[in-house]
């Protein structure tokens, strides 16, 4: 009998949807509390996702900004190290130049002694040769020999006995010196015409 009674009972289905699927209109009353709660949950979830996205993009922007700042600092530090190394080398070169300029009168005296034959033999010759070798090793080189072409950038003319277009050095009164490529003392010379070959 119970099975017959169950078969006679009608089946009821409750539609708790807030929006009517046929008309698309909002229904009043039925399931509104559940629908409102679901809508609020969905809105809260969307807001949370947007906040998380904004937080992630803000963190990415901050990482990019800090990375750029770090790269600038690294470049500035590399430039500082390079400039410091260059300044240190320039200071060493300047100190070397000052010392060599103070030794030039001694080299002049050695050249005069050599011209007069005082350095043919003996301990002074050995000293002079060693000093010249050490200074040559430091890239000190003398220039200006009689017969070389006159160059106003390198030579200081104290007398001009020539009249031609291609003057040459006649006599050298003071030898010029270079330290590497830099002239540290100009040569003091007389200027004359080049010798003409005898026919």
N, C-alpha and C. Protein backbone atom coordinates (compact mmCIF):
# COMPACT_ATOMS: atom_id res chain seq x y z
N UNK A 1 0.79 -1.20 0.00
CA UNK A 1 0.00 0.00 0.00
C UNK A 1 0.82 1.25 0.00
N UNK A 2 1.91 1.16 0.67
CA UNK A 2 2.75 2.36 0.71
C UNK A 2 3.26 2.71 -0.66
N UNK A 3 3.56 1.71 -1.48
CA UNK A 3 4.07 2.01 -2.81
C UNK A 3 3.01 2.67 -3.66
N UNK A 4 1.75 2.31 -3.44
CA UNK A 4 0.69 2.95 -4.19
C UNK A 4 0.52 4.39 -3.77
N UNK A 5 0.63 4.66 -2.46
CA UNK A 5 0.51 6.04 -1.97
C UNK A 5 1.65 6.91 -2.50
N UNK A 6 2.85 6.37 -2.56
CA UNK A 6 4.01 7.15 -3.06
C UNK A 6 3.83 7.44 -4.53
N UNK A 7 3.22 6.56 -5.25
CA UNK A 7 3.05 6.77 -6.67
C UNK A 7 2.02 7.85 -6.92
N UNK A 8 1.08 8.05 -5.99
CA UNK A 8 0.05 9.05 -6.19
C UNK A 8 0.51 10.44 -5.77
N UNK A 9 1.58 10.53 -4.99
CA UNK A 9 2.03 11.87 -4.53
C UNK A 9 2.70 12.60 -5.68
N UNK A 10 2.35 13.85 -5.80
CA UNK A 10 2.98 14.61 -6.90
C UNK A 10 4.43 14.97 -6.55
N UNK A 11 5.28 15.05 -7.56
CA UNK A 11 6.69 15.46 -7.38
C UNK A 11 6.74 16.96 -7.58
N UNK A 12 7.35 17.62 -6.60
CA UNK A 12 7.47 19.08 -6.72
C UNK A 12 8.95 19.47 -6.91
N UNK A 13 9.19 20.36 -7.85
CA UNK A 13 10.55 20.86 -8.11
C UNK A 13 10.53 22.35 -7.85
N UNK A 14 11.46 22.79 -7.05
CA UNK A 14 11.54 24.22 -6.72
C UNK A 14 12.66 24.84 -7.54
N UNK A 15 12.35 25.87 -8.28
CA UNK A 15 13.34 26.59 -9.09
C UNK A 15 13.81 27.78 -8.27
N UNK A 16 15.02 27.70 -7.76
CA UNK A 16 15.56 28.77 -6.91
C UNK A 16 16.38 29.81 -7.71
N UNK A 17 16.27 29.73 -8.98
CA UNK A 17 17.04 30.70 -9.78
C UNK A 17 16.42 32.08 -9.65
N UNK A 18 17.25 33.05 -9.46
CA UNK A 18 16.79 34.43 -9.27
C UNK A 18 16.35 35.02 -10.60
N UNK A 19 16.99 34.62 -11.69
CA UNK A 19 16.63 35.14 -13.01
C UNK A 19 15.83 34.07 -13.73
N UNK A 20 14.69 34.47 -14.27
CA UNK A 20 13.85 33.55 -15.01
C UNK A 20 14.54 33.23 -16.32
N UNK A 21 14.79 31.91 -16.61
CA UNK A 21 15.53 31.57 -17.82
C UNK A 21 14.76 31.86 -19.10
N UNK A 22 13.45 31.95 -19.05
CA UNK A 22 12.66 32.19 -20.25
C UNK A 22 12.53 33.67 -20.55
N UNK A 23 12.32 34.49 -19.52
CA UNK A 23 12.08 35.92 -19.77
C UNK A 23 13.31 36.76 -19.50
N UNK A 24 14.23 36.27 -18.67
CA UNK A 24 15.41 37.04 -18.33
C UNK A 24 15.17 38.07 -17.27
N UNK A 25 13.99 38.05 -16.65
CA UNK A 25 13.68 39.03 -15.62
C UNK A 25 14.02 38.47 -14.26
N UNK A 26 14.25 39.37 -13.33
CA UNK A 26 14.58 38.99 -11.96
C UNK A 26 13.29 38.60 -11.26
N UNK A 27 13.32 37.46 -10.60
CA UNK A 27 12.15 36.98 -9.86
C UNK A 27 12.19 37.54 -8.46
N UNK A 28 11.04 37.83 -7.93
CA UNK A 28 10.96 38.32 -6.56
C UNK A 28 10.66 37.16 -5.63
N UNK A 29 11.33 37.24 -4.50
CA UNK A 29 10.96 36.32 -3.44
C UNK A 29 11.69 35.00 -3.47
N UNK A 30 11.64 34.25 -4.56
CA UNK A 30 12.13 32.88 -4.56
C UNK A 30 13.64 32.90 -4.61
N UNK A 31 14.27 32.38 -3.59
CA UNK A 31 15.72 32.20 -3.56
C UNK A 31 16.50 33.50 -3.59
N UNK A 32 15.91 34.61 -3.22
CA UNK A 32 16.61 35.89 -3.30
C UNK A 32 17.76 35.96 -2.33
N UNK A 33 17.59 35.42 -1.15
CA UNK A 33 18.68 35.48 -0.16
C UNK A 33 19.88 34.69 -0.66
N UNK A 34 19.62 33.53 -1.21
CA UNK A 34 20.72 32.72 -1.72
C UNK A 34 21.38 33.40 -2.93
N UNK A 35 20.57 33.97 -3.81
CA UNK A 35 21.10 34.63 -5.01
C UNK A 35 21.93 35.85 -4.63
N UNK A 36 21.42 36.61 -3.67
CA UNK A 36 22.15 37.81 -3.22
C UNK A 36 23.48 37.39 -2.61
N UNK A 37 23.45 36.35 -1.80
CA UNK A 37 24.68 35.88 -1.16
C UNK A 37 25.68 35.39 -2.22
N UNK A 38 25.14 34.67 -3.22
CA UNK A 38 26.03 34.18 -4.28
C UNK A 38 26.61 35.34 -5.08
N UNK A 39 25.78 36.34 -5.37
CA UNK A 39 26.26 37.51 -6.11
C UNK A 39 27.32 38.26 -5.31
N UNK A 40 27.08 38.39 -3.99
CA UNK A 40 28.05 39.08 -3.15
C UNK A 40 29.37 38.30 -3.09
N UNK A 41 29.28 36.98 -3.00
CA UNK A 41 30.48 36.15 -3.00
C UNK A 41 31.27 36.31 -4.31
N UNK A 42 30.53 36.31 -5.42
CA UNK A 42 31.19 36.46 -6.72
C UNK A 42 31.86 37.84 -6.83
N UNK A 43 31.15 38.88 -6.36
CA UNK A 43 31.71 40.23 -6.40
C UNK A 43 32.95 40.32 -5.52
N UNK A 44 32.88 39.70 -4.34
CA UNK A 44 34.03 39.72 -3.43
C UNK A 44 35.20 38.97 -4.05
N UNK A 45 34.90 37.87 -4.72
CA UNK A 45 35.97 37.10 -5.37
C UNK A 45 36.63 37.93 -6.48
N UNK A 46 35.79 38.62 -7.30
CA UNK A 46 36.33 39.46 -8.36
C UNK A 46 37.18 40.59 -7.79
N UNK A 47 36.71 41.22 -6.73
CA UNK A 47 37.46 42.30 -6.09
C UNK A 47 38.78 41.80 -5.55
N UNK A 48 38.75 40.62 -4.93
CA UNK A 48 39.98 40.02 -4.42
C UNK A 48 40.97 39.72 -5.53
N UNK A 49 40.44 39.17 -6.66
CA UNK A 49 41.32 38.88 -7.80
C UNK A 49 41.93 40.15 -8.36
N UNK A 50 41.10 41.21 -8.48
CA UNK A 50 41.61 42.48 -9.00
C UNK A 50 42.66 43.07 -8.07
N UNK A 51 42.41 42.98 -6.77
CA UNK A 51 43.39 43.49 -5.80
C UNK A 51 44.69 42.71 -5.89
N UNK A 52 44.57 41.38 -6.03
CA UNK A 52 45.78 40.55 -6.16
C UNK A 52 46.53 40.89 -7.43
N UNK A 53 45.78 41.09 -8.55
CA UNK A 53 46.42 41.47 -9.81
C UNK A 53 47.11 42.82 -9.68
N UNK A 54 46.43 43.78 -9.02
CA UNK A 54 47.02 45.10 -8.83
C UNK A 54 48.27 45.01 -7.96
N UNK A 55 48.22 44.16 -6.94
CA UNK A 55 49.38 43.99 -6.05
C UNK A 55 50.54 43.37 -6.81
N UNK A 56 50.25 42.37 -7.65
CA UNK A 56 51.31 41.73 -8.43
C UNK A 56 51.90 42.72 -9.43
N UNK A 57 51.06 43.48 -10.13
CA UNK A 57 51.59 44.43 -11.11
C UNK A 57 52.34 45.56 -10.40
N UNK A 58 51.89 45.96 -9.21
CA UNK A 58 52.63 46.95 -8.43
C UNK A 58 53.99 46.42 -8.01
N UNK A 59 54.05 45.15 -7.62
CA UNK A 59 55.32 44.53 -7.23
C UNK A 59 56.24 44.42 -8.45
N UNK A 60 55.67 44.05 -9.62
CA UNK A 60 56.48 43.98 -10.83
C UNK A 60 57.05 45.34 -11.20
N UNK A 61 56.25 46.38 -11.06
CA UNK A 61 56.72 47.74 -11.36
C UNK A 61 57.84 48.13 -10.40
N UNK A 62 57.68 47.78 -9.13
CA UNK A 62 58.70 48.11 -8.14
C UNK A 62 59.99 47.34 -8.43
N UNK A 63 59.87 46.06 -8.81
CA UNK A 63 61.06 45.27 -9.16
C UNK A 63 61.76 45.87 -10.36
N UNK A 64 60.99 46.28 -11.38
CA UNK A 64 61.59 46.89 -12.57
C UNK A 64 62.30 48.19 -12.22
N UNK A 65 61.68 49.00 -11.37
CA UNK A 65 62.28 50.27 -10.95
C UNK A 65 63.57 50.04 -10.17
N UNK A 66 63.56 49.08 -9.25
CA UNK A 66 64.76 48.80 -8.46
C UNK A 66 65.87 48.20 -9.33
N UNK A 67 65.48 47.37 -10.30
CA UNK A 67 66.48 46.80 -11.22
C UNK A 67 67.14 47.90 -12.03
N UNK A 68 66.35 48.83 -12.52
CA UNK A 68 66.89 49.95 -13.29
C UNK A 68 67.82 50.81 -12.44
N UNK A 69 67.43 51.06 -11.20
CA UNK A 69 68.28 51.84 -10.28
C UNK A 69 69.59 51.11 -10.01
N UNK A 70 69.53 49.81 -9.83
CA UNK A 70 70.73 49.01 -9.59
C UNK A 70 71.66 49.05 -10.80
N UNK A 71 71.10 48.96 -11.99
CA UNK A 71 71.92 49.01 -13.20
C UNK A 71 72.60 50.37 -13.34
N UNK A 72 71.87 51.46 -13.00
CA UNK A 72 72.48 52.80 -13.03
C UNK A 72 73.64 52.89 -12.05
N UNK A 73 73.43 52.37 -10.84
CA UNK A 73 74.48 52.42 -9.82
C UNK A 73 75.69 51.61 -10.26
N UNK A 74 75.45 50.44 -10.85
CA UNK A 74 76.57 49.63 -11.33
C UNK A 74 77.36 50.36 -12.40
N UNK A 75 76.66 51.00 -13.34
CA UNK A 75 77.34 51.75 -14.40
C UNK A 75 78.14 52.91 -13.82
N UNK A 76 77.56 53.62 -12.86
CA UNK A 76 78.28 54.73 -12.23
C UNK A 76 79.51 54.22 -11.50
N UNK A 77 79.40 53.08 -10.82
CA UNK A 77 80.54 52.54 -10.09
C UNK A 77 81.63 52.08 -11.06
N UNK A 78 81.23 51.47 -12.18
CA UNK A 78 82.22 51.04 -13.18
C UNK A 78 82.94 52.26 -13.75
N UNK A 79 82.20 53.34 -14.03
CA UNK A 79 82.82 54.58 -14.53
C UNK A 79 83.75 55.17 -13.49
N UNK A 80 83.34 55.14 -12.22
CA UNK A 80 84.19 55.66 -11.15
C UNK A 80 85.49 54.87 -11.06
N UNK A 81 85.40 53.54 -11.12
CA UNK A 81 86.62 52.72 -11.05
C UNK A 81 87.53 53.00 -12.24
N UNK A 82 86.95 53.13 -13.44
CA UNK A 82 87.76 53.41 -14.63
C UNK A 82 88.45 54.77 -14.51
N UNK A 83 87.67 55.79 -14.08
CA UNK A 83 88.26 57.13 -13.92
C UNK A 83 89.35 57.13 -12.86
N UNK A 84 89.13 56.41 -11.77
CA UNK A 84 90.13 56.34 -10.70
C UNK A 84 91.41 55.70 -11.20
N UNK A 85 91.28 54.62 -11.96
CA UNK A 85 92.47 53.96 -12.51
C UNK A 85 93.21 54.89 -13.48
N UNK A 86 92.46 55.61 -14.32
CA UNK A 86 93.09 56.54 -15.25
C UNK A 86 93.80 57.67 -14.51
N UNK A 87 93.14 58.21 -13.48
CA UNK A 87 93.74 59.29 -12.70
C UNK A 87 95.00 58.80 -11.99
N UNK A 88 94.98 57.56 -11.51
CA UNK A 88 96.15 57.02 -10.85
C UNK A 88 97.31 56.89 -11.83
N UNK A 89 97.04 56.39 -13.04
CA UNK A 89 98.09 56.29 -14.05
C UNK A 89 98.61 57.67 -14.45
N UNK A 90 97.71 58.63 -14.58
CA UNK A 90 98.14 59.99 -14.91
C UNK A 90 99.01 60.58 -13.81
N UNK A 91 98.67 60.30 -12.55
CA UNK A 91 99.48 60.80 -11.44
C UNK A 91 100.87 60.18 -11.46
N UNK A 92 100.94 58.87 -11.77
CA UNK A 92 102.25 58.20 -11.87
C UNK A 92 103.06 58.82 -13.01
N UNK A 93 102.42 59.01 -14.17
CA UNK A 93 103.12 59.61 -15.31
C UNK A 93 103.58 61.03 -15.00
N UNK A 94 102.75 61.78 -14.31
CA UNK A 94 103.12 63.17 -13.96
C UNK A 94 104.30 63.18 -12.98
N UNK A 95 104.28 62.28 -11.99
CA UNK A 95 105.40 62.19 -11.06
C UNK A 95 106.69 61.80 -11.77
N UNK A 96 106.58 60.85 -12.71
CA UNK A 96 107.74 60.43 -13.49
C UNK A 96 108.28 61.61 -14.31
N UNK A 97 107.38 62.37 -14.92
CA UNK A 97 107.80 63.50 -15.73
C UNK A 97 108.52 64.55 -14.88
N UNK A 98 108.01 64.83 -13.69
CA UNK A 98 108.64 65.83 -12.82
C UNK A 98 110.05 65.38 -12.45
N UNK A 99 110.22 64.11 -12.11
CA UNK A 99 111.54 63.60 -11.75
C UNK A 99 112.50 63.68 -12.94
N UNK A 100 112.03 63.27 -14.12
CA UNK A 100 112.89 63.28 -15.29
C UNK A 100 113.27 64.71 -15.69
N UNK A 101 112.35 65.65 -15.54
CA UNK A 101 112.68 67.05 -15.84
C UNK A 101 113.80 67.55 -14.92
N UNK A 102 113.81 67.08 -13.68
CA UNK A 102 114.88 67.48 -12.76
C UNK A 102 116.21 66.83 -13.10
N UNK A 103 116.17 65.68 -13.79
CA UNK A 103 117.41 64.99 -14.18
C UNK A 103 117.98 65.48 -15.51
N UNK A 104 117.22 66.27 -16.27
CA UNK A 104 117.70 66.72 -17.58
C UNK A 104 119.01 67.51 -17.51
N UNK A 105 119.22 68.41 -16.53
CA UNK A 105 120.53 69.09 -16.47
C UNK A 105 121.70 68.12 -16.26
N UNK A 106 121.46 67.03 -15.52
CA UNK A 106 122.50 66.03 -15.34
C UNK A 106 122.81 65.35 -16.67
N UNK A 107 121.76 65.05 -17.45
CA UNK A 107 121.98 64.45 -18.77
C UNK A 107 122.72 65.42 -19.69
N UNK A 108 122.43 66.72 -19.57
CA UNK A 108 123.17 67.71 -20.36
C UNK A 108 124.65 67.69 -20.00
N UNK A 109 124.94 67.61 -18.71
CA UNK A 109 126.35 67.55 -18.27
C UNK A 109 127.02 66.28 -18.78
N UNK A 110 126.31 65.16 -18.77
CA UNK A 110 126.87 63.91 -19.29
C UNK A 110 127.15 64.03 -20.78
N UNK A 111 126.23 64.65 -21.54
CA UNK A 111 126.46 64.85 -22.98
C UNK A 111 127.69 65.73 -23.23
N UNK A 112 127.84 66.79 -22.44
CA UNK A 112 129.01 67.68 -22.60
C UNK A 112 130.30 66.93 -22.29
N UNK A 113 130.26 66.13 -21.22
CA UNK A 113 131.45 65.35 -20.87
C UNK A 113 131.78 64.34 -21.97
N UNK A 114 130.77 63.74 -22.56
CA UNK A 114 130.99 62.79 -23.64
C UNK A 114 131.58 63.50 -24.86
N UNK A 115 131.07 64.71 -25.18
CA UNK A 115 131.59 65.47 -26.32
C UNK A 115 133.05 65.86 -26.12
N UNK A 116 133.46 66.11 -24.90
CA UNK A 116 134.85 66.51 -24.61
C UNK A 116 135.77 65.31 -24.39
N UNK A 117 135.25 64.09 -24.48
CA UNK A 117 136.06 62.90 -24.34
C UNK A 117 136.30 62.46 -22.91
N UNK A 118 135.58 63.03 -21.96
CA UNK A 118 135.78 62.67 -20.56
C UNK A 118 135.12 61.33 -20.20
N UNK A 119 134.32 60.78 -21.08
CA UNK A 119 133.63 59.53 -20.79
C UNK A 119 134.15 58.39 -21.67
N UNK A 120 135.38 58.49 -22.11
CA UNK A 120 135.94 57.43 -22.94
C UNK A 120 136.13 56.15 -22.13
N UNK A 121 136.51 56.28 -20.87
CA UNK A 121 136.73 55.11 -20.02
C UNK A 121 136.60 55.52 -18.56
N UNK A 122 136.58 54.53 -17.70
CA UNK A 122 136.54 54.80 -16.27
C UNK A 122 135.17 54.62 -15.67
N UNK A 123 135.09 54.83 -14.34
CA UNK A 123 133.83 54.59 -13.63
C UNK A 123 132.73 55.59 -14.00
N UNK A 124 133.11 56.81 -14.38
CA UNK A 124 132.09 57.79 -14.76
C UNK A 124 131.35 57.36 -16.03
N UNK A 125 132.08 56.71 -16.95
CA UNK A 125 131.45 56.22 -18.17
C UNK A 125 130.41 55.14 -17.82
N UNK A 126 130.75 54.23 -16.92
CA UNK A 126 129.82 53.17 -16.52
C UNK A 126 128.58 53.78 -15.86
N UNK A 127 128.79 54.77 -15.01
CA UNK A 127 127.66 55.44 -14.35
C UNK A 127 126.77 56.13 -15.38
N UNK A 128 127.39 56.85 -16.31
CA UNK A 128 126.62 57.58 -17.33
C UNK A 128 125.83 56.61 -18.20
N UNK A 129 126.46 55.51 -18.59
CA UNK A 129 125.77 54.53 -19.44
C UNK A 129 124.58 53.90 -18.70
N UNK A 130 124.77 53.57 -17.42
CA UNK A 130 123.67 52.98 -16.65
C UNK A 130 122.52 53.97 -16.48
N UNK A 131 122.87 55.22 -16.19
CA UNK A 131 121.81 56.23 -16.02
C UNK A 131 121.02 56.41 -17.32
N UNK A 132 121.71 56.50 -18.42
CA UNK A 132 121.03 56.66 -19.71
C UNK A 132 120.18 55.43 -20.02
N UNK A 133 120.68 54.24 -19.72
CA UNK A 133 119.91 53.02 -19.97
C UNK A 133 118.63 52.98 -19.13
N UNK A 134 118.74 53.37 -17.85
CA UNK A 134 117.56 53.38 -16.98
C UNK A 134 116.52 54.37 -17.49
N UNK A 135 116.97 55.57 -17.88
CA UNK A 135 116.03 56.60 -18.35
C UNK A 135 115.42 56.22 -19.71
N UNK A 136 116.20 55.56 -20.54
CA UNK A 136 115.66 55.08 -21.82
C UNK A 136 114.62 54.00 -21.57
N UNK A 137 114.84 53.17 -20.56
CA UNK A 137 113.86 52.15 -20.20
C UNK A 137 112.55 52.75 -19.71
N UNK A 138 112.60 53.96 -19.19
CA UNK A 138 111.40 54.67 -18.76
C UNK A 138 110.78 55.49 -19.89
N UNK A 139 111.21 55.21 -21.13
CA UNK A 139 110.68 55.83 -22.36
C UNK A 139 111.11 57.28 -22.53
N UNK A 140 112.24 57.66 -21.96
CA UNK A 140 112.80 58.99 -22.20
C UNK A 140 113.68 58.89 -23.44
N UNK A 141 113.45 59.75 -24.43
CA UNK A 141 114.22 59.72 -25.67
C UNK A 141 114.62 61.15 -26.03
N UNK A 142 115.88 61.28 -26.47
CA UNK A 142 116.31 62.62 -26.88
C UNK A 142 116.13 62.76 -28.39
N UNK A 143 116.02 64.00 -28.82
CA UNK A 143 115.89 64.27 -30.25
C UNK A 143 116.62 65.56 -30.59
N UNK A 144 116.78 65.82 -31.86
CA UNK A 144 117.46 66.98 -32.45
C UNK A 144 118.93 66.67 -32.69
N UNK A 145 119.22 66.37 -33.93
CA UNK A 145 120.60 66.14 -34.39
C UNK A 145 120.85 67.07 -35.58
N UNK A 146 122.08 67.54 -35.73
CA UNK A 146 122.39 68.38 -36.91
C UNK A 146 122.03 67.66 -38.20
N UNK A 147 121.40 68.39 -39.11
CA UNK A 147 121.00 67.83 -40.40
C UNK A 147 119.56 67.37 -40.44
N UNK A 148 118.92 67.20 -39.29
CA UNK A 148 117.50 66.82 -39.29
C UNK A 148 116.65 67.99 -39.76
N UNK A 149 115.48 67.67 -40.27
CA UNK A 149 114.56 68.72 -40.71
C UNK A 149 114.05 69.51 -39.50
N UNK A 150 114.00 70.83 -39.66
CA UNK A 150 113.55 71.70 -38.57
C UNK A 150 112.02 71.59 -38.43
N UNK A 151 111.57 71.39 -37.20
CA UNK A 151 110.14 71.31 -36.90
C UNK A 151 109.84 72.29 -35.77
N UNK A 152 109.09 73.37 -36.06
CA UNK A 152 108.84 74.38 -35.01
C UNK A 152 108.04 73.83 -33.82
N UNK A 153 107.38 72.67 -33.98
CA UNK A 153 106.67 72.05 -32.87
C UNK A 153 107.63 71.40 -31.87
N UNK A 154 108.83 71.04 -32.35
CA UNK A 154 109.80 70.34 -31.51
C UNK A 154 111.04 71.16 -31.21
N UNK A 155 111.38 72.07 -32.11
CA UNK A 155 112.65 72.79 -32.00
C UNK A 155 112.42 74.28 -31.77
N UNK A 156 113.28 74.85 -30.95
CA UNK A 156 113.24 76.29 -30.69
C UNK A 156 114.46 76.90 -31.40
N UNK A 157 114.19 77.68 -32.45
CA UNK A 157 115.29 78.25 -33.24
C UNK A 157 115.79 79.53 -32.56
N UNK A 158 117.10 79.59 -32.31
CA UNK A 158 117.67 80.81 -31.72
C UNK A 158 118.43 81.61 -32.76
N UNK A 159 118.65 81.02 -33.95
CA UNK A 159 119.33 81.73 -35.03
C UNK A 159 118.93 81.07 -36.34
N UNK A 160 118.69 81.88 -37.37
CA UNK A 160 118.31 81.36 -38.68
C UNK A 160 119.32 81.85 -39.70
N UNK A 161 120.13 80.92 -40.18
CA UNK A 161 121.13 81.25 -41.20
C UNK A 161 120.68 80.82 -42.59
N UNK A 162 119.51 80.29 -42.71
CA UNK A 162 119.04 79.75 -43.99
C UNK A 162 118.11 80.71 -44.70
N UNK A 163 117.89 80.42 -45.98
CA UNK A 163 116.97 81.23 -46.77
C UNK A 163 116.02 80.36 -47.59
N UNK A 164 116.14 79.05 -47.50
CA UNK A 164 115.34 78.14 -48.32
C UNK A 164 114.01 77.79 -47.67
N UNK A 165 113.28 76.97 -48.41
CA UNK A 165 111.96 76.55 -47.97
C UNK A 165 112.01 75.32 -47.06
N UNK A 166 113.12 74.59 -47.07
CA UNK A 166 113.23 73.38 -46.27
C UNK A 166 114.40 73.53 -45.30
N UNK A 167 114.18 74.25 -44.20
CA UNK A 167 115.28 74.46 -43.26
C UNK A 167 115.61 73.19 -42.49
N UNK A 168 116.88 73.07 -42.12
CA UNK A 168 117.34 71.95 -41.32
C UNK A 168 118.08 72.49 -40.11
N UNK A 169 118.36 71.61 -39.17
CA UNK A 169 119.07 72.00 -37.95
C UNK A 169 120.56 72.11 -38.26
N UNK A 170 121.12 73.24 -37.83
CA UNK A 170 122.57 73.43 -38.00
C UNK A 170 123.31 72.93 -36.77
N UNK A 171 123.23 73.67 -35.69
CA UNK A 171 123.88 73.29 -34.43
C UNK A 171 122.81 73.07 -33.37
N UNK A 172 123.11 72.18 -32.44
CA UNK A 172 122.19 71.91 -31.33
C UNK A 172 122.84 72.46 -30.07
N UNK A 173 122.19 73.43 -29.45
CA UNK A 173 122.70 74.01 -28.20
C UNK A 173 122.11 73.31 -26.97
N UNK A 174 120.93 72.78 -27.12
CA UNK A 174 120.31 72.04 -26.02
C UNK A 174 119.44 70.94 -26.64
N UNK A 175 119.71 69.72 -26.23
CA UNK A 175 118.97 68.56 -26.76
C UNK A 175 117.53 68.58 -26.25
N UNK A 176 116.62 68.16 -27.11
CA UNK A 176 115.22 68.03 -26.71
C UNK A 176 114.94 66.63 -26.20
N UNK A 177 113.92 66.50 -25.35
CA UNK A 177 113.57 65.19 -24.79
C UNK A 177 112.07 64.96 -24.87
N UNK A 178 111.74 63.69 -25.14
CA UNK A 178 110.35 63.21 -25.12
C UNK A 178 110.21 62.16 -24.04
N UNK A 179 109.05 62.14 -23.42
CA UNK A 179 108.69 61.05 -22.51
C UNK A 179 107.51 60.34 -23.16
N UNK A 180 107.79 59.21 -23.80
CA UNK A 180 106.75 58.56 -24.61
C UNK A 180 106.48 59.42 -25.82
N UNK A 181 105.25 59.87 -25.98
CA UNK A 181 104.89 60.76 -27.10
C UNK A 181 104.88 62.22 -26.70
N UNK A 182 105.08 62.51 -25.44
CA UNK A 182 104.96 63.88 -24.95
C UNK A 182 106.33 64.56 -24.91
N UNK A 183 106.42 65.75 -25.49
CA UNK A 183 107.65 66.52 -25.45
C UNK A 183 107.75 67.19 -24.08
N UNK A 184 108.84 66.89 -23.36
CA UNK A 184 109.00 67.52 -22.04
C UNK A 184 110.02 68.65 -22.08
N UNK A 185 110.85 68.70 -23.15
CA UNK A 185 111.73 69.86 -23.34
C UNK A 185 112.02 70.00 -24.82
N UNK A 186 111.82 71.21 -25.35
CA UNK A 186 112.10 71.49 -26.75
C UNK A 186 113.60 71.66 -26.95
N UNK A 187 114.05 71.31 -28.13
CA UNK A 187 115.47 71.46 -28.45
C UNK A 187 115.75 72.90 -28.83
N UNK A 188 116.94 73.41 -28.44
CA UNK A 188 117.36 74.76 -28.80
C UNK A 188 118.40 74.61 -29.90
N UNK A 189 118.09 75.14 -31.10
CA UNK A 189 118.92 74.87 -32.28
C UNK A 189 119.11 76.12 -33.12
N UNK A 190 120.07 76.04 -34.03
CA UNK A 190 120.18 77.03 -35.10
C UNK A 190 119.63 76.39 -36.36
N UNK A 191 119.16 77.22 -37.28
CA UNK A 191 118.51 76.73 -38.49
C UNK A 191 119.33 77.17 -39.67
N UNK A 192 119.49 76.29 -40.64
CA UNK A 192 120.25 76.60 -41.84
C UNK A 192 119.62 75.89 -43.04
N UNK A 193 120.19 76.10 -44.22
CA UNK A 193 119.71 75.41 -45.40
C UNK A 193 120.35 74.02 -45.48
N UNK A 194 119.65 73.06 -46.12
CA UNK A 194 120.26 71.74 -46.24
C UNK A 194 121.51 71.80 -47.11
N UNK A 195 122.47 70.94 -46.82
CA UNK A 195 123.71 70.91 -47.59
C UNK A 195 123.40 70.42 -49.01
N UNK A 196 124.00 71.09 -49.99
CA UNK A 196 123.79 70.66 -51.39
C UNK A 196 124.85 69.63 -51.74
N UNK A 197 124.43 68.56 -52.41
CA UNK A 197 125.42 67.54 -52.78
C UNK A 197 126.43 68.09 -53.77
N UNK A 198 127.69 67.78 -53.57
CA UNK A 198 128.75 68.27 -54.48
C UNK A 198 128.73 67.45 -55.74
N UNK A 199 128.94 68.16 -56.89
CA UNK A 199 128.88 67.47 -58.18
C UNK A 199 130.26 67.29 -58.74
